[in-house]
Amino acid sequence: MTDSILNSTKKVLGIAEDDDSFDLDILMHINTVFTTLHQLGIGPLDGFMIEDSETTWSDYLEDNTNLNAVKSYMYVRVKLLFDPPSTSFAIEAMQKQVTEFEWRLNVYREGRVRRET
């Protein structure tokens, strides 16, 4: 599996790695999600963004396996922004996943902050 943030996100969206016709749109949505993650207290203190397929999950996660849910969170959020499901039931299910991921990431962040103080 590719470690590229852009390419792995494209893969779960069903877009071939060599198809760059939607890269600008997907990059914009990925960076929007990174802004949300930053506001949740996840990721580098100065924020994070990508500009191409060279940036990897290792660059963002720094090998912190406790943050692997960020990858799924990224997919669900980008899917809702880029290509939302056609039924309200599917949209609602994905929004519930987003809420759960945000809650779990907050729990992780709060636990990390308590350990550091």
PDB file of N, CA and C in Angstrom:
ATOM      1  N   MET A   1       0.853  -1.188   0.000  1.00  0.00           N
ATOM      2  CA  MET A   1       0.000   0.000   0.000  1.00  0.00           C
ATOM      3  C   MET A   1       0.891   1.242   0.000  1.00  0.00           C
ATOM      4  N   THR A   2       0.477   2.226  -0.751  1.00  0.00           N
ATOM      5  CA  THR A   2       1.233   3.469  -0.839  1.00  0.00           C
ATOM      6  C   THR A   2       1.146   4.255   0.462  1.00  0.00           C
ATOM      7  N   ASP A   3       2.228   4.936   0.802  1.00  0.00           N
ATOM      8  CA  ASP A   3       2.241   5.763   2.005  1.00  0.00           C
ATOM      9  C   ASP A   3       1.902   7.218   1.660  1.00  0.00           C
ATOM     10  N   SER A   4       1.784   7.503   0.365  1.00  0.00           N
ATOM     11  CA  SER A   4       1.443   8.851  -0.085  1.00  0.00           C
ATOM     12  C   SER A   4       0.035   9.204   0.391  1.00  0.00           C
ATOM     13  N   ILE A   5      -0.091  10.358   1.030  1.00  0.00           N
ATOM     14  CA  ILE A   5      -1.403  10.783   1.516  1.00  0.00           C
ATOM     15  C   ILE A   5      -2.369  10.963   0.348  1.00  0.00           C
ATOM     16  N   LEU A   6      -1.934  11.657  -0.682  1.00  0.00           N
ATOM     17  CA  LEU A   6      -2.801  11.891  -1.843  1.00  0.00           C
ATOM     18  C   LEU A   6      -3.173  10.587  -2.532  1.00  0.00           C
ATOM     19  N   ASN A   7      -2.183   9.746  -2.829  1.00  0.00           N
ATOM     20  CA  ASN A   7      -2.464   8.519  -3.576  1.00  0.00           C
ATOM     21  C   ASN A   7      -3.309   7.532  -2.787  1.00  0.00           C
ATOM     22  N   SER A   8      -3.084   7.421  -1.483  1.00  0.00           N
ATOM     23  CA  SER A   8      -3.898   6.489  -0.699  1.00  0.00           C
ATOM     24  C   SER A   8      -5.333   7.003  -0.580  1.00  0.00           C
ATOM     25  N   THR A   9      -5.494   8.318  -0.486  1.00  0.00           N
ATOM     26  CA  THR A   9      -6.847   8.884  -0.439  1.00  0.00           C
ATOM     27  C   THR A   9      -7.552   8.663  -1.772  1.00  0.00           C
ATOM     28  N   LYS A  10      -6.835   8.871  -2.870  1.00  0.00           N
ATOM     29  CA  LYS A  10      -7.422   8.611  -4.193  1.00  0.00           C
ATOM     30  C   LYS A  10      -7.831   7.156  -4.327  1.00  0.00           C
ATOM     31  N   LYS A  11      -6.992   6.246  -3.828  1.00  0.00           N
ATOM     32  CA  LYS A  11      -7.283   4.813  -3.944  1.00  0.00           C
ATOM     33  C   LYS A  11      -8.598   4.468  -3.249  1.00  0.00           C
ATOM     34  N   VAL A  12      -8.796   4.948  -2.012  1.00  0.00           N
ATOM     35  CA  VAL A  12     -10.041   4.601  -1.317  1.00  0.00           C
ATOM     36  C   VAL A  12     -11.244   5.328  -1.904  1.00  0.00           C
ATOM     37  N   LEU A  13     -10.996   6.407  -2.656  1.00  0.00           N
ATOM     38  CA  LEU A  13     -12.081   7.080  -3.366  1.00  0.00           C
ATOM     39  C   LEU A  13     -12.391   6.394  -4.699  1.00  0.00           C
ATOM     40  N   GLY A  14     -11.576   5.396  -5.071  1.00  0.00           N
ATOM     41  CA  GLY A  14     -11.787   4.668  -6.321  1.00  0.00           C
ATOM     42  C   GLY A  14     -11.179   5.355  -7.525  1.00  0.00           C
ATOM     43  N   ILE A  15     -10.171   6.191  -7.307  1.00  0.00           N
ATOM     44  CA  ILE A  15      -9.506   6.914  -8.394  1.00  0.00           C
ATOM     45  C   ILE A  15      -8.105   6.339  -8.569  1.00  0.00           C
ATOM     46  N   ALA A  16      -7.753   6.024  -9.801  1.00  0.00           N
ATOM     47  CA  ALA A  16      -6.433   5.455 -10.078  1.00  0.00           C
ATOM     48  C   ALA A  16      -5.327   6.452  -9.737  1.00  0.00           C
ATOM     49  N   GLU A  17      -4.221   5.918  -9.258  1.00  0.00           N
ATOM     50  CA  GLU A  17      -3.085   6.749  -8.860  1.00  0.00           C
ATOM     51  C   GLU A  17      -2.590   7.631 -10.005  1.00  0.00           C
ATOM     52  N   ASP A  18      -2.632   7.112 -11.229  1.00  0.00           N
ATOM     53  CA  ASP A  18      -2.114   7.868 -12.378  1.00  0.00           C
ATOM     54  C   ASP A  18      -3.151   8.829 -12.986  1.00  0.00           C
ATOM     55  N   ASP A  19      -4.358   8.834 -12.474  1.00  0.00           N
ATOM     56  CA  ASP A  19      -5.392   9.771 -12.922  1.00  0.00           C
ATOM     57  C   ASP A  19      -5.285  11.041 -12.085  1.00  0.00           C
ATOM     58  N   ASP A  20      -4.764  12.105 -12.680  1.00  0.00           N
ATOM     59  CA  ASP A  20      -4.562  13.340 -11.921  1.00  0.00           C
ATOM     60  C   ASP A  20      -5.638  14.391 -12.198  1.00  0.00           C
ATOM     61  N   SER A  21      -6.730  13.988 -12.835  1.00  0.00           N
ATOM     62  CA  SER A  21      -7.764  14.956 -13.210  1.00  0.00           C
ATOM     63  C   SER A  21      -8.498  15.569 -12.009  1.00  0.00           C
ATOM     64  N   PHE A  22      -8.467  14.898 -10.866  1.00  0.00           N
ATOM     65  CA  PHE A  22      -9.151  15.426  -9.684  1.00  0.00           C
ATOM     66  C   PHE A  22      -8.184  15.815  -8.573  1.00  0.00           C
ATOM     67  N   ASP A  23      -6.896  15.783  -8.849  1.00  0.00           N
ATOM     68  CA  ASP A  23      -5.903  16.023  -7.796  1.00  0.00           C
ATOM     69  C   ASP A  23      -6.088  17.363  -7.104  1.00  0.00           C
ATOM     70  N   LEU A  24      -6.340  18.421  -7.846  1.00  0.00           N
ATOM     71  CA  LEU A  24      -6.498  19.742  -7.238  1.00  0.00           C
ATOM     72  C   LEU A  24      -7.667  19.750  -6.247  1.00  0.00           C
ATOM     73  N   ASP A  25      -8.783  19.156  -6.637  1.00  0.00           N
ATOM     74  CA  ASP A  25      -9.959  19.089  -5.760  1.00  0.00           C
ATOM     75  C   ASP A  25      -9.656  18.267  -4.506  1.00  0.00           C
ATOM     76  N   ILE A  26      -9.048  17.114  -4.698  1.00  0.00           N
ATOM     77  CA  ILE A  26      -8.769  16.222  -3.580  1.00  0.00           C
ATOM     78  C   ILE A  26      -7.738  16.852  -2.645  1.00  0.00           C
ATOM     79  N   LEU A  27      -6.715  17.486  -3.209  1.00  0.00           N
ATOM     80  CA  LEU A  27      -5.717  18.176  -2.384  1.00  0.00           C
ATOM     81  C   LEU A  27      -6.372  19.253  -1.515  1.00  0.00           C
ATOM     82  N   MET A  28      -7.264  20.014  -2.109  1.00  0.00           N
ATOM     83  CA  MET A  28      -7.957  21.059  -1.360  1.00  0.00           C
ATOM     84  C   MET A  28      -8.733  20.458  -0.182  1.00  0.00           C
ATOM     85  N   HIS A  29      -9.447  19.361  -0.418  1.00  0.00           N
ATOM     86  CA  HIS A  29     -10.237  18.730   0.631  1.00  0.00           C
ATOM     87  C   HIS A  29      -9.338  18.099   1.703  1.00  0.00           C
ATOM     88  N   ILE A  30      -8.245  17.475   1.277  1.00  0.00           N
ATOM     89  CA  ILE A  30      -7.298  16.898   2.238  1.00  0.00           C
ATOM     90  C   ILE A  30      -6.768  17.994   3.161  1.00  0.00           C
ATOM     91  N   ASN A  31      -6.383  19.121   2.589  1.00  0.00           N
ATOM     92  CA  ASN A  31      -5.841  20.203   3.407  1.00  0.00           C
ATOM     93  C   ASN A  31      -6.897  20.816   4.324  1.00  0.00           C
ATOM     94  N   THR A  32      -8.145  20.818   3.889  1.00  0.00           N
ATOM     95  CA  THR A  32      -9.238  21.253   4.764  1.00  0.00           C
ATOM     96  C   THR A  32      -9.342  20.322   5.970  1.00  0.00           C
ATOM     97  N   VAL A  33      -9.234  19.023   5.732  1.00  0.00           N
ATOM     98  CA  VAL A  33      -9.306  18.052   6.826  1.00  0.00           C
ATOM     99  C   VAL A  33      -8.100  18.215   7.756  1.00  0.00           C
ATOM    100  N   PHE A  34      -6.920  18.502   7.204  1.00  0.00           N
ATOM    101  CA  PHE A  34      -5.753  18.746   8.065  1.00  0.00           C
ATOM    102  C   PHE A  34      -5.978  19.968   8.953  1.00  0.00           C
ATOM    103  N   THR A  35      -6.671  20.975   8.445  1.00  0.00           N
ATOM    104  CA  THR A  35      -6.999  22.142   9.266  1.00  0.00           C
ATOM    105  C   THR A  35      -7.916  21.733  10.419  1.00  0.00           C
ATOM    106  N   THR A  36      -8.901  20.915  10.128  1.00  0.00           N
ATOM    107  CA  THR A  36      -9.802  20.422  11.175  1.00  0.00           C
ATOM    108  C   THR A  36      -9.025  19.608  12.204  1.00  0.00           C
ATOM    109  N   LEU A  37      -8.141  18.717  11.739  1.00  0.00           N
ATOM    110  CA  LEU A  37      -7.335  17.924  12.664  1.00  0.00           C
ATOM    111  C   LEU A  37      -6.467  18.817  13.546  1.00  0.00           C
ATOM    112  N   HIS A  38      -5.912  19.867  12.961  1.00  0.00           N
ATOM    113  CA  HIS A  38      -5.100  20.811  13.731  1.00  0.00           C
ATOM    114  C   HIS A  38      -5.953  21.478  14.819  1.00  0.00           C
ATOM    115  N   GLN A  39      -7.171  21.850  14.465  1.00  0.00           N
ATOM    116  CA  GLN A  39      -8.070  22.469  15.438  1.00  0.00           C
ATOM    117  C   GLN A  39      -8.471  21.489  16.538  1.00  0.00           C
ATOM    118  N   LEU A  40      -8.439  20.199  16.229  1.00  0.00           N
ATOM    119  CA  LEU A  40      -8.716  19.165  17.231  1.00  0.00           C
ATOM    120  C   LEU A  40      -7.484  18.874  18.094  1.00  0.00           C
ATOM    121  N   GLY A  41      -6.348  19.467  17.735  1.00  0.00           N
ATOM    122  CA  GLY A  41      -5.118  19.251  18.497  1.00  0.00           C
ATOM    123  C   GLY A  41      -4.328  18.048  18.037  1.00  0.00           C
ATOM    124  N   ILE A  42      -4.575  17.595  16.827  1.00  0.00           N
ATOM    125  CA  ILE A  42      -3.887  16.431  16.273  1.00  0.00           C
ATOM    126  C   ILE A  42      -2.914  16.901  15.192  1.00  0.00           C
ATOM    127  N   GLY A  43      -1.705  16.356  15.226  1.00  0.00           N
ATOM    128  CA  GLY A  43      -0.710  16.691  14.208  1.00  0.00           C
ATOM    129  C   GLY A  43       0.287  17.721  14.697  1.00  0.00           C
ATOM    130  N   PRO A  44       1.155  18.168  13.794  1.00  0.00           N
ATOM    131  CA  PRO A  44       2.200  19.135  14.154  1.00  0.00           C
ATOM    132  C   PRO A  44       1.610  20.440  14.694  1.00  0.00           C
ATOM    133  N   LEU A  45       2.328  21.048  15.628  1.00  0.00           N
ATOM    134  CA  LEU A  45       1.851  22.284  16.260  1.00  0.00           C
ATOM    135  C   LEU A  45       1.645  23.419  15.263  1.00  0.00           C
ATOM    136  N   ASP A  46       2.451  23.452  14.210  1.00  0.00           N
ATOM    137  CA  ASP A  46       2.357  24.519  13.214  1.00  0.00           C
ATOM    138  C   ASP A  46       1.363  24.207  12.102  1.00  0.00           C
ATOM    139  N   GLY A  47       0.636  23.113  12.216  1.00  0.00           N
ATOM    140  CA  GLY A  47      -0.296  22.717  11.159  1.00  0.00           C
ATOM    141  C   GLY A  47       0.404  21.861  10.127  1.00  0.00           C
ATOM    142  N   PHE A  48      -0.327  21.468   9.108  1.00  0.00           N
ATOM    143  CA  PHE A  48       0.202  20.551   8.102  1.00  0.00           C
ATOM    144  C   PHE A  48      -0.609  20.722   6.830  1.00  0.00           C
ATOM    145  N   MET A  49       0.069  20.618   5.692  1.00  0.00           N
ATOM    146  CA  MET A  49      -0.615  20.620   4.405  1.00  0.00           C
ATOM    147  C   MET A  49       0.222  19.856   3.394  1.00  0.00           C
ATOM    148  N   ILE A  50      -0.419  19.424   2.327  1.00  0.00           N
ATOM    149  CA  ILE A  50       0.292  18.746   1.260  1.00  0.00           C
ATOM    150  C   ILE A  50       0.068  19.507  -0.034  1.00  0.00           C
ATOM    151  N   GLU A  51       1.004  19.323  -0.967  1.00  0.00           N
ATOM    152  CA  GLU A  51       0.900  19.987  -2.267  1.00  0.00           C
ATOM    153  C   GLU A  51       0.947  19.011  -3.434  1.00  0.00           C
ATOM    154  N   ASP A  52       1.328  17.769  -3.148  1.00  0.00           N
ATOM    155  CA  ASP A  52       1.460  16.777  -4.208  1.00  0.00           C
ATOM    156  C   ASP A  52       1.454  15.377  -3.601  1.00  0.00           C
ATOM    157  N   SER A  53       1.789  14.392  -4.403  1.00  0.00           N
ATOM    158  CA  SER A  53       1.753  13.001  -3.936  1.00  0.00           C
ATOM    159  C   SER A  53       3.028  12.592  -3.207  1.00  0.00           C
ATOM    160  N   GLU A  54       3.969  13.498  -3.033  1.00  0.00           N
ATOM    161  CA  GLU A  54       5.227  13.165  -2.373  1.00  0.00           C
ATOM    162  C   GLU A  54       5.100  13.090  -0.854  1.00  0.00           C
ATOM    163  N   THR A  55       4.167  13.821  -0.272  1.00  0.00           N
ATOM    164  CA  THR A  55       4.010  13.840   1.179  1.00  0.00           C
ATOM    165  C   THR A  55       3.361  12.536   1.636  1.00  0.00           C
ATOM    166  N   THR A  56       3.927  11.951   2.692  1.00  0.00           N
ATOM    167  CA  THR A  56       3.479  10.636   3.138  1.00  0.00           C
ATOM    168  C   THR A  56       2.801  10.702   4.500  1.00  0.00           C
ATOM    169  N   TRP A  57       2.102   9.624   4.814  1.00  0.00           N
ATOM    170  CA  TRP A  57       1.479   9.511   6.129  1.00  0.00           C
ATOM    171  C   TRP A  57       2.541   9.528   7.223  1.00  0.00           C
ATOM    172  N   SER A  58       3.699   8.965   6.946  1.00  0.00           N
ATOM    173  CA  SER A  58       4.786   8.988   7.935  1.00  0.00           C
ATOM    174  C   SER A  58       5.218  10.415   8.241  1.00  0.00           C
ATOM    175  N   ASP A  59       5.173  11.296   7.244  1.00  0.00           N
ATOM    176  CA  ASP A  59       5.510  12.706   7.467  1.00  0.00           C
ATOM    177  C   ASP A  59       4.539  13.329   8.469  1.00  0.00           C
ATOM    178  N   TYR A  60       3.298  12.943   8.394  1.00  0.00           N
ATOM    179  CA  TYR A  60       2.276  13.522   9.270  1.00  0.00           C
ATOM    180  C   TYR A  60       2.190  12.803  10.618  1.00  0.00           C
ATOM    181  N   LEU A  61       2.129  11.478  10.579  1.00  0.00           N
ATOM    182  CA  LEU A  61       1.903  10.702  11.788  1.00  0.00           C
ATOM    183  C   LEU A  61       3.172  10.456  12.597  1.00  0.00           C
ATOM    184  N   GLU A  62       4.327  10.638  11.964  1.00  0.00           N
ATOM    185  CA  GLU A  62       5.616  10.412  12.627  1.00  0.00           C
ATOM    186  C   GLU A  62       5.652   9.044  13.309  1.00  0.00           C
ATOM    187  N   ASP A  63       5.149   8.024  12.617  1.00  0.00           N
ATOM    188  CA  ASP A  63       5.150   6.638  13.100  1.00  0.00           C
ATOM    189  C   ASP A  63       4.388   6.441  14.406  1.00  0.00           C
ATOM    190  N   ASN A  64       3.425   7.309  14.699  1.00  0.00           N
ATOM    191  CA  ASN A  64       2.589   7.164  15.886  1.00  0.00           C
ATOM    192  C   ASN A  64       1.399   6.279  15.520  1.00  0.00           C
ATOM    193  N   THR A  65       1.486   5.008  15.854  1.00  0.00           N
ATOM    194  CA  THR A  65       0.430   4.062  15.476  1.00  0.00           C
ATOM    195  C   THR A  65      -0.888   4.354  16.185  1.00  0.00           C
ATOM    196  N   ASN A  66      -0.865   5.151  17.253  1.00  0.00           N
ATOM    197  CA  ASN A  66      -2.101   5.514  17.938  1.00  0.00           C
ATOM    198  C   ASN A  66      -2.964   6.445  17.091  1.00  0.00           C
ATOM    199  N   LEU A  67      -2.396   6.979  16.030  1.00  0.00           N
ATOM    200  CA  LEU A  67      -3.146   7.910  15.181  1.00  0.00           C
ATOM    201  C   LEU A  67      -3.540   7.306  13.830  1.00  0.00           C
ATOM    202  N   ASN A  68      -3.513   5.992  13.707  1.00  0.00           N
ATOM    203  CA  ASN A  68      -3.889   5.365  12.437  1.00  0.00           C
ATOM    204  C   ASN A  68      -5.320   5.675  12.025  1.00  0.00           C
ATOM    205  N   ALA A  69      -6.184   5.993  12.978  1.00  0.00           N
ATOM    206  CA  ALA A  69      -7.572   6.347  12.660  1.00  0.00           C
ATOM    207  C   ALA A  69      -7.643   7.613  11.813  1.00  0.00           C
ATOM    208  N   VAL A  70      -6.582   8.419  11.836  1.00  0.00           N
ATOM    209  CA  VAL A  70      -6.551   9.635  11.022  1.00  0.00           C
ATOM    210  C   VAL A  70      -6.728   9.288   9.546  1.00  0.00           C
ATOM    211  N   LYS A  71      -6.189   8.171   9.118  1.00  0.00           N
ATOM    212  CA  LYS A  71      -6.304   7.775   7.711  1.00  0.00           C
ATOM    213  C   LYS A  71      -7.769   7.522   7.333  1.00  0.00           C
ATOM    214  N   SER A  72      -8.477   6.804   8.176  1.00  0.00           N
ATOM    215  CA  SER A  72      -9.903   6.552   7.911  1.00  0.00           C
ATOM    216  C   SER A  72     -10.708   7.836   8.019  1.00  0.00           C
ATOM    217  N   TYR A  73     -10.373   8.647   9.014  1.00  0.00           N
ATOM    218  CA  TYR A  73     -11.048   9.934   9.185  1.00  0.00           C
ATOM    219  C   TYR A  73     -10.872  10.790   7.928  1.00  0.00           C
ATOM    220  N   MET A  74      -9.647  10.809   7.409  1.00  0.00           N
ATOM    221  CA  MET A  74      -9.359  11.581   6.192  1.00  0.00           C
ATOM    222  C   MET A  74     -10.248  11.093   5.048  1.00  0.00           C
ATOM    223  N   TYR A  75     -10.329   9.777   4.861  1.00  0.00           N
ATOM    224  CA  TYR A  75     -11.134   9.240   3.763  1.00  0.00           C
ATOM    225  C   TYR A  75     -12.602   9.648   3.899  1.00  0.00           C
ATOM    226  N   VAL A  76     -13.156   9.459   5.081  1.00  0.00           N
ATOM    227  CA  VAL A  76     -14.589   9.738   5.262  1.00  0.00           C
ATOM    228  C   VAL A  76     -14.872  11.223   5.033  1.00  0.00           C
ATOM    229  N   ARG A  77     -14.027  12.084   5.601  1.00  0.00           N
ATOM    230  CA  ARG A  77     -14.241  13.528   5.436  1.00  0.00           C
ATOM    231  C   ARG A  77     -14.079  13.951   3.979  1.00  0.00           C
ATOM    232  N   VAL A  78     -13.040  13.446   3.302  1.00  0.00           N
ATOM    233  CA  VAL A  78     -12.831  13.808   1.896  1.00  0.00           C
ATOM    234  C   VAL A  78     -13.960  13.249   1.037  1.00  0.00           C
ATOM    235  N   LYS A  79     -14.397  12.042   1.317  1.00  0.00           N
ATOM    236  CA  LYS A  79     -15.510  11.437   0.571  1.00  0.00           C
ATOM    237  C   LYS A  79     -16.760  12.310   0.698  1.00  0.00           C
ATOM    238  N   LEU A  80     -17.054  12.777   1.903  1.00  0.00           N
ATOM    239  CA  LEU A  80     -18.236  13.620   2.098  1.00  0.00           C
ATOM    240  C   LEU A  80     -18.110  14.952   1.363  1.00  0.00           C
ATOM    241  N   LEU A  81     -16.901  15.477   1.259  1.00  0.00           N
ATOM    242  CA  LEU A  81     -16.699  16.746   0.558  1.00  0.00           C
ATOM    243  C   LEU A  81     -16.627  16.573  -0.956  1.00  0.00           C
ATOM    244  N   PHE A  82     -15.931  15.530  -1.402  1.00  0.00           N
ATOM    245  CA  PHE A  82     -15.641  15.346  -2.825  1.00  0.00           C
ATOM    246  C   PHE A  82     -16.729  14.591  -3.580  1.00  0.00           C
ATOM    247  N   ASP A  83     -17.225  13.522  -2.976  1.00  0.00           N
ATOM    248  CA  ASP A  83     -18.182  12.648  -3.667  1.00  0.00           C
ATOM    249  C   ASP A  83     -19.155  12.054  -2.654  1.00  0.00           C
ATOM    250  N   PRO A  84     -20.052  12.888  -2.113  1.00  0.00           N
ATOM    251  CA  PRO A  84     -20.950  12.386  -1.070  1.00  0.00           C
ATOM    252  C   PRO A  84     -21.902  11.314  -1.604  1.00  0.00           C
ATOM    253  N   PRO A  85     -22.304  10.395  -0.721  1.00  0.00           N
ATOM    254  CA  PRO A  85     -23.260   9.364  -1.123  1.00  0.00           C
ATOM    255  C   PRO A  85     -24.563   9.999  -1.596  1.00  0.00           C
ATOM    256  N   SER A  86     -25.314   9.241  -2.358  1.00  0.00           N
ATOM    257  CA  SER A  86     -26.543   9.788  -2.934  1.00  0.00           C
ATOM    258  C   SER A  86     -27.748   9.683  -2.002  1.00  0.00           C
ATOM    259  N   THR A  87     -27.634   8.886  -0.940  1.00  0.00           N
ATOM    260  CA  THR A  87     -28.773   8.761  -0.027  1.00  0.00           C
ATOM    261  C   THR A  87     -28.479   9.447   1.302  1.00  0.00           C
ATOM    262  N   SER A  88     -29.521   9.961   1.901  1.00  0.00           N
ATOM    263  CA  SER A  88     -29.357  10.626   3.196  1.00  0.00           C
ATOM    264  C   SER A  88     -28.938   9.638   4.279  1.00  0.00           C
ATOM    265  N   PHE A  89     -29.336   8.369   4.126  1.00  0.00           N
ATOM    266  CA  PHE A  89     -28.961   7.352   5.109  1.00  0.00           C
ATOM    267  C   PHE A  89     -27.454   7.125   5.102  1.00  0.00           C
ATOM    268  N   ALA A  90     -26.869   7.048   3.918  1.00  0.00           N
ATOM    269  CA  ALA A  90     -25.423   6.844   3.802  1.00  0.00           C
ATOM    270  C   ALA A  90     -24.661   8.070   4.296  1.00  0.00           C
ATOM    271  N   ILE A  91     -25.159   9.246   3.982  1.00  0.00           N
ATOM    272  CA  ILE A  91     -24.526  10.484   4.457  1.00  0.00           C
ATOM    273  C   ILE A  91     -24.562  10.522   5.984  1.00  0.00           C
ATOM    274  N   GLU A  92     -25.703  10.203   6.555  1.00  0.00           N
ATOM    275  CA  GLU A  92     -25.844  10.215   8.018  1.00  0.00           C
ATOM    276  C   GLU A  92     -24.901   9.198   8.665  1.00  0.00           C
ATOM    277  N   ALA A  93     -24.768   8.021   8.065  1.00  0.00           N
ATOM    278  CA  ALA A  93     -23.866   7.001   8.602  1.00  0.00           C
ATOM    279  C   ALA A  93     -22.418   7.489   8.569  1.00  0.00           C
ATOM    280  N   MET A  94     -22.037   8.136   7.485  1.00  0.00           N
ATOM    281  CA  MET A  94     -20.675   8.653   7.380  1.00  0.00           C
ATOM    282  C   MET A  94     -20.450   9.797   8.368  1.00  0.00           C
ATOM    283  N   GLN A  95     -21.444  10.633   8.556  1.00  0.00           N
ATOM    284  CA  GLN A  95     -21.310  11.729   9.518  1.00  0.00           C
ATOM    285  C   GLN A  95     -21.173  11.186  10.944  1.00  0.00           C
ATOM    286  N   LYS A  96     -21.848  10.080  11.239  1.00  0.00           N
ATOM    287  CA  LYS A  96     -21.693   9.448  12.551  1.00  0.00           C
ATOM    288  C   LYS A  96     -20.278   8.902  12.717  1.00  0.00           C
ATOM    289  N   GLN A  97     -19.707   8.352  11.635  1.00  0.00           N
ATOM    290  CA  GLN A  97     -18.327   7.891  11.692  1.00  0.00           C
ATOM    291  C   GLN A  97     -17.389   9.056  11.978  1.00  0.00           C
ATOM    292  N   VAL A  98     -17.611  10.180  11.313  1.00  0.00           N
ATOM    293  CA  VAL A  98     -16.800  11.378  11.535  1.00  0.00           C
ATOM    294  C   VAL A  98     -16.863  11.779  13.001  1.00  0.00           C
ATOM    295  N   THR A  99     -18.051  11.824  13.556  1.00  0.00           N
ATOM    296  CA  THR A  99     -18.227  12.207  14.958  1.00  0.00           C
ATOM    297  C   THR A  99     -17.480  11.255  15.885  1.00  0.00           C
ATOM    298  N   GLU A 100     -17.565   9.960  15.607  1.00  0.00           N
ATOM    299  CA  GLU A 100     -16.867   8.983  16.447  1.00  0.00           C
ATOM    300  C   GLU A 100     -15.354   9.143  16.319  1.00  0.00           C
ATOM    301  N   PHE A 101     -14.852   9.303  15.096  1.00  0.00           N
ATOM    302  CA  PHE A 101     -13.410   9.505  14.916  1.00  0.00           C
ATOM    303  C   PHE A 101     -12.945  10.748  15.667  1.00  0.00           C
ATOM    304  N   GLU A 102     -13.708  11.835  15.580  1.00  0.00           N
ATOM    305  CA  GLU A 102     -13.324  13.066  16.271  1.00  0.00           C
ATOM    306  C   GLU A 102     -13.317  12.856  17.778  1.00  0.00           C
ATOM    307  N   TRP A 103     -14.294  12.128  18.295  1.00  0.00           N
ATOM    308  CA  TRP A 103     -14.336  11.851  19.724  1.00  0.00           C
ATOM    309  C   TRP A 103     -13.115  11.042  20.144  1.00  0.00           C
ATOM    310  N   ARG A 104     -12.809   9.996  19.383  1.00  0.00           N
ATOM    311  CA  ARG A 104     -11.664   9.135  19.720  1.00  0.00           C
ATOM    312  C   ARG A 104     -10.347   9.897  19.609  1.00  0.00           C
ATOM    313  N   LEU A 105     -10.196  10.722  18.609  1.00  0.00           N
ATOM    314  CA  LEU A 105      -8.975  11.519  18.475  1.00  0.00           C
ATOM    315  C   LEU A 105      -8.860  12.522  19.619  1.00  0.00           C
ATOM    316  N   ASN A 106      -9.976  13.087  20.056  1.00  0.00           N
ATOM    317  CA  ASN A 106      -9.972  13.984  21.213  1.00  0.00           C
ATOM    318  C   ASN A 106      -9.561  13.238  22.481  1.00  0.00           C
ATOM    319  N   VAL A 107     -10.074  12.045  22.665  1.00  0.00           N
ATOM    320  CA  VAL A 107      -9.707  11.235  23.831  1.00  0.00           C
ATOM    321  C   VAL A 107      -8.205  10.968  23.814  1.00  0.00           C
ATOM    322  N   TYR A 108      -7.676  10.616  22.646  1.00  0.00           N
ATOM    323  CA  TYR A 108      -6.234  10.379  22.532  1.00  0.00           C
ATOM    324  C   TYR A 108      -5.458  11.649  22.879  1.00  0.00           C
ATOM    325  N   ARG A 109      -5.858  12.778  22.311  1.00  0.00           N
ATOM    326  CA  ARG A 109      -5.153  14.043  22.542  1.00  0.00           C
ATOM    327  C   ARG A 109      -5.193  14.423  24.016  1.00  0.00           C
ATOM    328  N   GLU A 110      -6.359  14.313  24.638  1.00  0.00           N
ATOM    329  CA  GLU A 110      -6.480  14.666  26.055  1.00  0.00           C
ATOM    330  C   GLU A 110      -5.617  13.768  26.927  1.00  0.00           C
ATOM    331  N   GLY A 111      -5.562  12.486  26.607  1.00  0.00           N
ATOM    332  CA  GLY A 111      -4.712  11.565  27.361  1.00  0.00           C
ATOM    333  C   GLY A 111      -3.243  11.887  27.185  1.00  0.00           C
ATOM    334  N   ARG A 112      -2.866  12.261  25.979  1.00  0.00           N
ATOM    335  CA  ARG A 112      -1.478  12.629  25.696  1.00  0.00           C
ATOM    336  C   ARG A 112      -1.101  13.899  26.444  1.00  0.00           C
ATOM    337  N   VAL A 113      -1.992  14.881  26.477  1.00  0.00           N
ATOM    338  CA  VAL A 113      -1.723  16.138  27.164  1.00  0.00           C
ATOM    339  C   VAL A 113      -1.558  15.889  28.657  1.00  0.00           C
ATOM    340  N   ARG A 114      -2.397  15.039  29.239  1.00  0.00           N
ATOM    341  CA  ARG A 114      -2.298  14.734  30.677  1.00  0.00           C
ATOM    342  C   ARG A 114      -0.971  14.058  30.999  1.00  0.00           C
ATOM    343  N   ARG A 115      -0.515  13.149  30.119  1.00  0.00           N
ATOM    344  CA  ARG A 115       0.754  12.452  30.361  1.00  0.00           C
ATOM    345  C   ARG A 115       1.936  13.391  30.265  1.00  0.00           C
ATOM    346  N   GLU A 116       1.828  14.419  29.407  1.00  0.00           N
ATOM    347  CA  GLU A 116       2.948  15.351  29.200  1.00  0.00           C
ATOM    348  C   GLU A 116       3.051  16.387  30.310  1.00  0.00           C
ATOM    349  N   THR A 117       1.962  16.611  31.055  1.00  0.00           N
ATOM    350  CA  THR A 117       2.011  17.637  32.118  1.00  0.00           C
ATOM    351  C   THR A 117       2.349  17.056  33.462  1.00  0.00           C
TER     352      THR A 117
END
